[in-house]
C-alpha atoms as a PDB file:
ATOM      1  CA  UNK A   1      13.506  28.512  31.918  1.00  0.00           C
ATOM      2  CA  UNK A   2      13.096  27.590  35.705  1.00  0.00           C
ATOM      3  CA  UNK A   3      15.650  27.798  38.426  1.00  0.00           C
ATOM      4  CA  UNK A   4      15.970  25.930  41.584  1.00  0.00           C
ATOM      5  CA  UNK A   5      15.286  28.649  44.097  1.00  0.00           C
ATOM      6  CA  UNK A   6      15.528  26.157  46.985  1.00  0.00           C
ATOM      7  CA  UNK A   7      19.253  26.214  46.653  1.00  0.00           C
ATOM      8  CA  UNK A   8      19.221  29.803  47.676  1.00  0.00           C
ATOM      9  CA  UNK A   9      17.082  29.492  50.535  1.00  0.00           C
ATOM     10  CA  UNK A  10      19.540  26.920  52.061  1.00  0.00           C
ATOM     11  CA  UNK A  11      22.358  29.298  51.962  1.00  0.00           C
ATOM     12  CA  UNK A  12      20.544  32.444  52.849  1.00  0.00           C
ATOM     13  CA  UNK A  13      21.743  32.491  56.449  1.00  0.00           C
ATOM     14  CA  UNK A  14      25.364  31.745  55.663  1.00  0.00           C
ATOM     15  CA  UNK A  15      27.951  34.379  55.362  1.00  0.00           C
ATOM     16  CA  UNK A  16      29.321  34.922  51.856  1.00  0.00           C
ATOM     17  CA  UNK A  17      32.685  33.374  52.631  1.00  0.00           C
ATOM     18  CA  UNK A  18      30.962  30.208  53.683  1.00  0.00           C
ATOM     19  CA  UNK A  19      28.971  30.136  50.565  1.00  0.00           C
ATOM     20  CA  UNK A  20      31.998  30.641  48.516  1.00  0.00           C
ATOM     21  CA  UNK A  21      33.772  27.799  50.154  1.00  0.00           C
ATOM     22  CA  UNK A  22      30.813  25.538  49.642  1.00  0.00           C
ATOM     23  CA  UNK A  23      30.155  26.499  46.006  1.00  0.00           C
ATOM     24  CA  UNK A  24      33.874  25.962  45.176  1.00  0.00           C
ATOM     25  CA  UNK A  25      33.926  22.521  46.671  1.00  0.00           C
ATOM     26  CA  UNK A  26      30.841  21.618  44.901  1.00  0.00           C
ATOM     27  CA  UNK A  27      31.979  22.800  41.413  1.00  0.00           C
ATOM     28  CA  UNK A  28      34.871  22.233  39.323  1.00  0.00           C
ATOM     29  CA  UNK A  29      35.171  24.693  36.526  1.00  0.00           C
ATOM     30  CA  UNK A  30      38.464  23.579  35.017  1.00  0.00           C
ATOM     31  CA  UNK A  31      37.944  23.596  31.398  1.00  0.00           C
ATOM     32  CA  UNK A  32      41.465  22.966  30.286  1.00  0.00           C
ATOM     33  CA  UNK A  33      41.836  21.049  27.051  1.00  0.00           C
ATOM     34  CA  UNK A  34      44.468  18.614  28.544  1.00  0.00           C
ATOM     35  CA  UNK A  35      42.251  17.446  31.205  1.00  0.00           C
ATOM     36  CA  UNK A  36      40.060  14.274  30.458  1.00  0.00           C
ATOM     37  CA  UNK A  37      36.412  14.730  29.835  1.00  0.00           C
ATOM     38  CA  UNK A  38      34.560  12.478  32.457  1.00  0.00           C
ATOM     39  CA  UNK A  39      32.483   9.759  30.884  1.00  0.00           C
ATOM     40  CA  UNK A  40      28.889   9.433  32.117  1.00  0.00           C
ATOM     41  CA  UNK A  41      26.054   7.010  31.282  1.00  0.00           C
ATOM     42  CA  UNK A  42      23.914   8.498  28.492  1.00  0.00           C
ATOM     43  CA  UNK A  43      21.592   5.587  27.640  1.00  0.00           C
ATOM     44  CA  UNK A  44      19.693   2.770  29.364  1.00  0.00           C
ATOM     45  CA  UNK A  45      22.233  -0.263  30.318  1.00  0.00           C
ATOM     46  CA  UNK A  46      22.462  -2.725  27.608  1.00  0.00           C
ATOM     47  CA  UNK A  47      22.779  -6.587  27.933  1.00  0.00           C
ATOM     48  CA  UNK A  48      26.012  -7.981  26.588  1.00  0.00           C
ATOM     49  CA  UNK A  49      25.691 -10.707  23.945  1.00  0.00           C
ATOM     50  CA  UNK A  50      26.942 -14.307  24.016  1.00  0.00           C
ATOM     51  CA  UNK A  51      25.323 -15.117  27.266  1.00  0.00           C
ATOM     52  CA  UNK A  52      21.744 -16.319  28.370  1.00  0.00           C
ATOM     53  CA  UNK A  53      19.472 -13.639  29.925  1.00  0.00           C
ATOM     54  CA  UNK A  54      20.128 -15.014  33.378  1.00  0.00           C
ATOM     55  CA  UNK A  55      24.020 -14.674  33.143  1.00  0.00           C
ATOM     56  CA  UNK A  56      23.842 -11.408  31.150  1.00  0.00           C
ATOM     57  CA  UNK A  57      26.070  -8.587  32.463  1.00  0.00           C
ATOM     58  CA  UNK A  58      24.666  -5.042  32.464  1.00  0.00           C
ATOM     59  CA  UNK A  59      27.051  -2.459  31.324  1.00  0.00           C
ATOM     60  CA  UNK A  60      26.101   1.157  30.569  1.00  0.00           C
ATOM     61  CA  UNK A  61      26.838   2.863  27.380  1.00  0.00           C
ATOM     62  CA  UNK A  62      29.161   5.774  27.911  1.00  0.00           C
ATOM     63  CA  UNK A  63      29.858   8.900  25.951  1.00  0.00           C
ATOM     64  CA  UNK A  64      31.911  11.938  26.854  1.00  0.00           C
ATOM     65  CA  UNK A  65      29.799  14.573  28.637  1.00  0.00           C
ATOM     66  CA  UNK A  66      29.840  18.208  27.658  1.00  0.00           C
ATOM     67  CA  UNK A  67      32.726  20.092  28.948  1.00  0.00           C
ATOM     68  CA  UNK A  68      31.967  22.052  31.984  1.00  0.00           C
ATOM     69  CA  UNK A  69      31.379  25.696  31.382  1.00  0.00           C
ATOM     70  CA  UNK A  70      33.870  28.273  32.836  1.00  0.00           C
ATOM     71  CA  UNK A  71      31.093  30.436  34.113  1.00  0.00           C
ATOM     72  CA  UNK A  72      28.853  29.331  37.166  1.00  0.00           C
ATOM     73  CA  UNK A  73      25.343  28.193  36.752  1.00  0.00           C
ATOM     74  CA  UNK A  74      22.553  30.759  36.783  1.00  0.00           C
ATOM     75  CA  UNK A  75      21.642  29.668  40.315  1.00  0.00           C
ATOM     76  CA  UNK A  76      25.097  30.038  41.675  1.00  0.00           C
ATOM     77  CA  UNK A  77      25.302  33.539  40.078  1.00  0.00           C
ATOM     78  CA  UNK A  78      21.998  34.299  41.691  1.00  0.00           C
ATOM     79  CA  UNK A  79      23.206  33.107  45.031  1.00  0.00           C
ATOM     80  CA  UNK A  80      26.248  35.421  44.836  1.00  0.00           C
ATOM     81  CA  UNK A  81      23.955  38.367  43.727  1.00  0.00           C
ATOM     82  CA  UNK A  82      21.609  37.664  46.630  1.00  0.00           C
ATOM     83  CA  UNK A  83      24.260  37.542  49.181  1.00  0.00           C
ATOM     84  CA  UNK A  84      25.910  40.684  47.859  1.00  0.00           C
ATOM     85  CA  UNK A  85      22.451  42.569  48.028  1.00  0.00           C
ATOM     86  CA  UNK A  86      21.776  41.175  51.491  1.00  0.00           C
ATOM     87  CA  UNK A  87      25.247  42.243  52.797  1.00  0.00           C
ATOM     88  CA  UNK A  88      24.605  45.713  51.440  1.00  0.00           C
ATOM     89  CA  UNK A  89      21.225  45.847  53.084  1.00  0.00           C
ATOM     90  CA  UNK A  90      22.583  44.765  56.327  1.00  0.00           C
ATOM     91  CA  UNK A  91      25.372  47.431  56.059  1.00  0.00           C
ATOM     92  CA  UNK A  92      22.756  50.130  55.229  1.00  0.00           C
ATOM     93  CA  UNK A  93      23.952  50.732  51.904  1.00  0.00           C
ATOM     94  CA  UNK A  94      20.288  50.765  50.579  1.00  0.00           C
ATOM     95  CA  UNK A  95      20.712  52.338  47.191  1.00  0.00           C
ATOM     96  CA  UNK A  96      23.440  49.693  46.347  1.00  0.00           C
ATOM     97  CA  UNK A  97      21.345  46.929  47.706  1.00  0.00           C
ATOM     98  CA  UNK A  98      18.333  48.086  45.332  1.00  0.00           C
ATOM     99  CA  UNK A  99      20.833  47.815  42.381  1.00  0.00           C
ATOM    100  CA  UNK A 100      21.979  44.297  43.311  1.00  0.00           C
ATOM    101  CA  UNK A 101      18.410  42.994  43.933  1.00  0.00           C
ATOM    102  CA  UNK A 102      17.349  44.678  40.659  1.00  0.00           C
ATOM    103  CA  UNK A 103      20.174  42.857  38.804  1.00  0.00           C
ATOM    104  CA  UNK A 104      19.042  39.559  40.440  1.00  0.00           C
ATOM    105  CA  UNK A 105      15.304  40.089  39.518  1.00  0.00           C
ATOM    106  CA  UNK A 106      16.501  40.786  35.894  1.00  0.00           C
ATOM    107  CA  UNK A 107      18.146  37.303  35.865  1.00  0.00           C
ATOM    108  CA  UNK A 108      15.576  35.495  37.934  1.00  0.00           C
ATOM    109  CA  UNK A 109      12.145  37.196  37.558  1.00  0.00           C
ATOM    110  CA  UNK A 110      10.303  34.606  39.745  1.00  0.00           C
ATOM    111  CA  UNK A 111      12.554  34.742  42.814  1.00  0.00           C
ATOM    112  CA  UNK A 112      10.241  35.960  45.578  1.00  0.00           C
ATOM    113  CA  UNK A 113      13.007  36.802  48.218  1.00  0.00           C
ATOM    114  CA  UNK A 114      14.717  38.936  45.581  1.00  0.00           C
ATOM    115  CA  UNK A 115      11.439  41.212  45.458  1.00  0.00           C
ATOM    116  CA  UNK A 116      10.962  40.838  49.287  1.00  0.00           C
ATOM    117  CA  UNK A 117      14.742  42.134  49.755  1.00  0.00           C
ATOM    118  CA  UNK A 118      14.674  44.897  47.303  1.00  0.00           C
ATOM    119  CA  UNK A 119      11.314  45.953  49.043  1.00  0.00           C
ATOM    120  CA  UNK A 120      13.171  45.961  52.352  1.00  0.00           C
ATOM    121  CA  UNK A 121      15.855  48.308  50.841  1.00  0.00           C
ATOM    122  CA  UNK A 122      13.198  50.483  49.310  1.00  0.00           C
ATOM    123  CA  UNK A 123      11.410  50.644  52.823  1.00  0.00           C
ATOM    124  CA  UNK A 124      14.604  51.894  54.456  1.00  0.00           C
ATOM    125  CA  UNK A 125      14.977  54.496  51.760  1.00  0.00           C
ATOM    126  CA  UNK A 126      11.379  55.611  52.665  1.00  0.00           C
ATOM    127  CA  UNK A 127      10.245  54.774  49.067  1.00  0.00           C
ATOM    128  CA  UNK A 128       7.080  53.146  50.514  1.00  0.00           C
ATOM    129  CA  UNK A 129       5.207  52.878  47.216  1.00  0.00           C
ATOM    130  CA  UNK A 130       8.006  50.955  45.472  1.00  0.00           C
ATOM    131  CA  UNK A 131       8.430  48.779  48.563  1.00  0.00           C
ATOM    132  CA  UNK A 132       4.734  48.013  48.541  1.00  0.00           C
ATOM    133  CA  UNK A 133       4.901  47.049  44.865  1.00  0.00           C
ATOM    134  CA  UNK A 134       7.832  44.585  45.456  1.00  0.00           C
ATOM    135  CA  UNK A 135       6.247  43.230  48.437  1.00  0.00           C
ATOM    136  CA  UNK A 136       2.922  42.604  46.494  1.00  0.00           C
ATOM    137  CA  UNK A 137       4.946  40.955  43.730  1.00  0.00           C
ATOM    138  CA  UNK A 138       6.869  38.761  46.254  1.00  0.00           C
ATOM    139  CA  UNK A 139       3.538  37.612  47.777  1.00  0.00           C
ATOM    140  CA  UNK A 140       2.276  36.580  44.439  1.00  0.00           C
ATOM    141  CA  UNK A 141       5.374  34.269  44.080  1.00  0.00           C
ATOM    142  CA  UNK A 142       5.419  32.954  47.683  1.00  0.00           C
ATOM    143  CA  UNK A 143       2.478  33.731  50.052  1.00  0.00           C
ATOM    144  CA  UNK A 144       4.363  32.361  52.982  1.00  0.00           C
ATOM    145  CA  UNK A 145       7.313  34.746  52.790  1.00  0.00           C
ATOM    146  CA  UNK A 146       7.048  36.112  56.375  1.00  0.00           C
ATOM    147  CA  UNK A 147       9.528  38.949  56.037  1.00  0.00           C
ATOM    148  CA  UNK A 148       7.099  40.477  53.385  1.00  0.00           C
ATOM    149  CA  UNK A 149       4.344  40.587  55.881  1.00  0.00           C
ATOM    150  CA  UNK A 150       6.522  42.147  58.316  1.00  0.00           C
ATOM    151  CA  UNK A 151       7.562  45.096  56.053  1.00  0.00           C
ATOM    152  CA  UNK A 152       3.885  45.444  54.756  1.00  0.00           C
ATOM    153  CA  UNK A 153       2.955  45.660  58.566  1.00  0.00           C
ATOM    154  CA  UNK A 154       5.440  48.305  59.193  1.00  0.00           C
ATOM    155  CA  UNK A 155       4.159  50.469  56.339  1.00  0.00           C
ATOM    156  CA  UNK A 156       0.573  50.139  57.288  1.00  0.00           C
ATOM    157  CA  UNK A 157       1.766  51.146  60.838  1.00  0.00           C
ATOM    158  CA  UNK A 158       3.373  54.334  59.383  1.00  0.00           C
ATOM    159  CA  UNK A 159       0.339  54.975  57.448  1.00  0.00           C
ATOM    160  CA  UNK A 160      -1.792  54.744  60.447  1.00  0.00           C
ATOM    161  CA  UNK A 161      -3.956  51.678  59.346  1.00  0.00           C
ATOM    162  CA  UNK A 162      -3.468  49.844  62.642  1.00  0.00           C
ATOM    163  CA  UNK A 163      -5.868  47.105  61.844  1.00  0.00           C
ATOM    164  CA  UNK A 164      -4.172  46.107  58.602  1.00  0.00           C
ATOM    165  CA  UNK A 165      -0.692  46.421  60.367  1.00  0.00           C
ATOM    166  CA  UNK A 166      -1.828  43.983  63.099  1.00  0.00           C
ATOM    167  CA  UNK A 167      -2.995  41.478  60.594  1.00  0.00           C
ATOM    168  CA  UNK A 168       0.102  41.656  58.678  1.00  0.00           C
ATOM    169  CA  UNK A 169       2.544  41.483  61.709  1.00  0.00           C
ATOM    170  CA  UNK A 170       0.558  38.598  63.174  1.00  0.00           C
ATOM    171  CA  UNK A 171       0.970  36.903  59.831  1.00  0.00           C
ATOM    172  CA  UNK A 172       4.688  37.630  59.833  1.00  0.00           C
ATOM    173  CA  UNK A 173       5.181  36.196  63.316  1.00  0.00           C
ATOM    174  CA  UNK A 174       3.497  33.022  62.235  1.00  0.00           C
ATOM    175  CA  UNK A 175       5.510  32.640  59.241  1.00  0.00           C
ATOM    176  CA  UNK A 176       9.096  33.950  60.042  1.00  0.00           C
ATOM    177  CA  UNK A 177      11.324  30.977  60.737  1.00  0.00           C
ATOM    178  CA  UNK A 178      12.451  31.644  64.386  1.00  0.00           C
ATOM    179  CA  UNK A 179      16.113  30.398  64.008  1.00  0.00           C
ATOM    180  CA  UNK A 180      16.978  31.509  60.469  1.00  0.00           C
ATOM    181  CA  UNK A 181      15.282  34.779  60.518  1.00  0.00           C
ATOM    182  CA  UNK A 182      15.385  35.684  64.360  1.00  0.00           C
ATOM    183  CA  UNK A 183      16.130  39.403  63.710  1.00  0.00           C
ATOM    184  CA  UNK A 184      13.057  39.892  61.507  1.00  0.00           C
ATOM    185  CA  UNK A 185      11.029  37.878  64.232  1.00  0.00           C
ATOM    186  CA  UNK A 186      11.997  40.301  66.956  1.00  0.00           C
ATOM    187  CA  UNK A 187      11.149  43.316  64.908  1.00  0.00           C
ATOM    188  CA  UNK A 188       7.720  41.839  64.043  1.00  0.00           C
ATOM    189  CA  UNK A 189       7.098  40.987  67.810  1.00  0.00           C
ATOM    190  CA  UNK A 190       8.233  44.445  68.907  1.00  0.00           C
ATOM    191  CA  UNK A 191       6.187  46.190  66.323  1.00  0.00           C
ATOM    192  CA  UNK A 192       3.093  44.307  67.191  1.00  0.00           C
ATOM    193  CA  UNK A 193       3.577  44.817  70.945  1.00  0.00           C
ATOM    194  CA  UNK A 194       3.990  48.460  70.417  1.00  0.00           C
ATOM    195  CA  UNK A 195       1.228  48.939  67.830  1.00  0.00           C
ATOM    196  CA  UNK A 196      -1.056  51.049  69.808  1.00  0.00           C
ATOM    197  CA  UNK A 197       1.620  53.416  71.047  1.00  0.00           C
END
């Protein structure tokens, strides 16, 4: 089963309340039996009979669609889990953040930003080996995830491997989006500037 992870990346910089408003406006989860089920085309349009082919009208065949489920789609659930984990990470509740991202990873095991974010929480808990494992997994899923290179660079710097730290931090600076991820970009630039100190 594959998920549209692009949906999450569009909402990543938004506060949770903004995401909630957007999601609620996009979805209608009313599953009341007294509501009419919308009709949608399910087959190719068919020509009506009793007319020549030049005069023929095209009318779609319609059948009731499946009722909308009362639960959100997996992508929306993942979006909420991601935002919850990110808010916990930003508020320095690192253990809870790890738990939120772990739940997200169970639901969407191919979501690179989930591994990157859980790795960041592990980094702040000073569990560097677990962080490295998550960062390496994130890079196997998305090699252009700049924040992953940032944290790997910081880990290499702590380990005293300055050459590898410089390489990772430079990659981070090149890959991190300057507007959406300003905070990570500033950290990467500062860490690279202070590498030899």
